[in-house]
Protein backbone atom coordinates (compact mmCIF):
# COMPACT_ATOMS: atom_id res chain seq x y z
CA MET A 1 10.58 -20.24 -16.76
CA ASP A 2 13.62 -18.55 -18.36
CA PHE A 3 15.86 -15.69 -16.68
CA LYS A 4 13.84 -12.85 -17.84
CA MET A 5 10.53 -13.92 -16.90
CA ALA A 6 12.32 -15.12 -13.45
CA LEU A 7 13.77 -11.79 -12.93
CA THR A 8 10.32 -9.97 -13.59
CA VAL A 9 8.35 -11.84 -11.26
CA LEU A 10 11.11 -11.31 -8.55
CA VAL A 11 11.40 -7.41 -9.30
CA ALA A 12 7.39 -7.19 -9.16
CA SER A 13 7.38 -9.19 -5.88
CA VAL A 14 9.83 -7.10 -4.25
CA PRO A 15 7.31 -4.13 -3.17
CA PHE A 16 4.74 -6.39 -2.26
CA PHE A 17 7.35 -7.82 0.49
CA ILE A 18 8.46 -4.49 1.77
CA LEU A 19 5.27 -3.29 2.10
CA THR A 20 3.99 -6.40 3.93
CA VAL A 21 7.13 -6.25 6.17
CA TRP A 22 6.72 -2.29 6.95
CA ALA A 23 3.14 -3.06 7.93
CA LEU A 24 4.09 -5.77 10.23
CA VAL A 25 6.89 -3.56 11.71
CA ASP A 26 4.37 -0.99 12.16
CA VAL A 27 1.98 -3.01 14.06
CA PHE A 28 4.49 -4.31 16.30
CA MET A 29 5.51 -0.85 17.26
CA LYS A 30 2.29 0.20 18.38
CA ASP A 31 -0.16 -0.06 21.02
CA PHE A 32 -3.75 -1.04 20.00
CA GLY A 33 -5.34 -1.07 23.75
CA SER A 34 -5.15 -4.85 23.86
CA THR A 35 -3.25 -7.75 23.05
CA GLY A 36 -6.48 -9.01 21.11
CA ARG A 37 -6.60 -6.32 18.93
CA LYS A 38 -3.10 -6.14 18.35
CA ALA A 39 -2.90 -10.06 17.47
CA MET A 40 -5.76 -9.17 14.95
CA TRP A 41 -3.85 -6.74 13.34
CA VAL A 42 -0.79 -8.83 13.14
CA LEU A 43 -2.80 -11.58 11.10
CA VAL A 44 -4.26 -8.83 8.91
CA ALA A 45 -0.95 -7.14 8.24
CA GLY A 46 0.82 -10.30 7.89
CA PHE A 47 -1.46 -11.36 4.97
CA PRO A 48 0.79 -10.63 1.69
CA PHE A 49 -0.14 -7.32 0.08
CA VAL A 50 -3.77 -7.14 0.65
CA GLY A 51 -3.46 -7.66 4.45
CA ALA A 52 -0.80 -4.68 4.15
CA LEU A 53 -3.12 -2.56 2.22
CA ILE A 54 -6.26 -3.49 4.69
CA TYR A 55 -4.14 -2.18 7.75
CA LEU A 56 -3.00 0.90 5.96
CA VAL A 57 -6.37 1.82 5.21
CA PHE A 58 -8.15 0.86 8.32
CA GLY A 59 -5.67 0.22 11.19
CA PHE A 60 -2.70 2.37 10.67
CA ARG A 61 -4.26 5.28 12.62
CA ARG A 62 -5.97 3.22 15.28
CA GLY A 63 -2.77 2.23 17.11
CA ARG A 64 -0.60 4.73 19.14
CA LYS A 65 3.23 4.88 19.52
CA PRO A 66 3.92 4.27 23.22
CA GLU A 67 5.18 7.53 24.68
CA ASN A 68 8.36 6.19 26.14
CA ALA A 69 9.63 5.04 22.70
């Protein structure tokens, strides 16, 4: 693999990495009503790109930020 191709792959993967990290941080900051539900969303959001999109579509509005934060 030459340098140009490696740089292209790296630049293309950065947004997917950022989306996954954002989804995980959001899950950890919210309360989903039970530890089991939170664990499920951590597993879903932790799956690169596809999991983060699933969390964004289905789980983002289910959790609530704690009032004391």
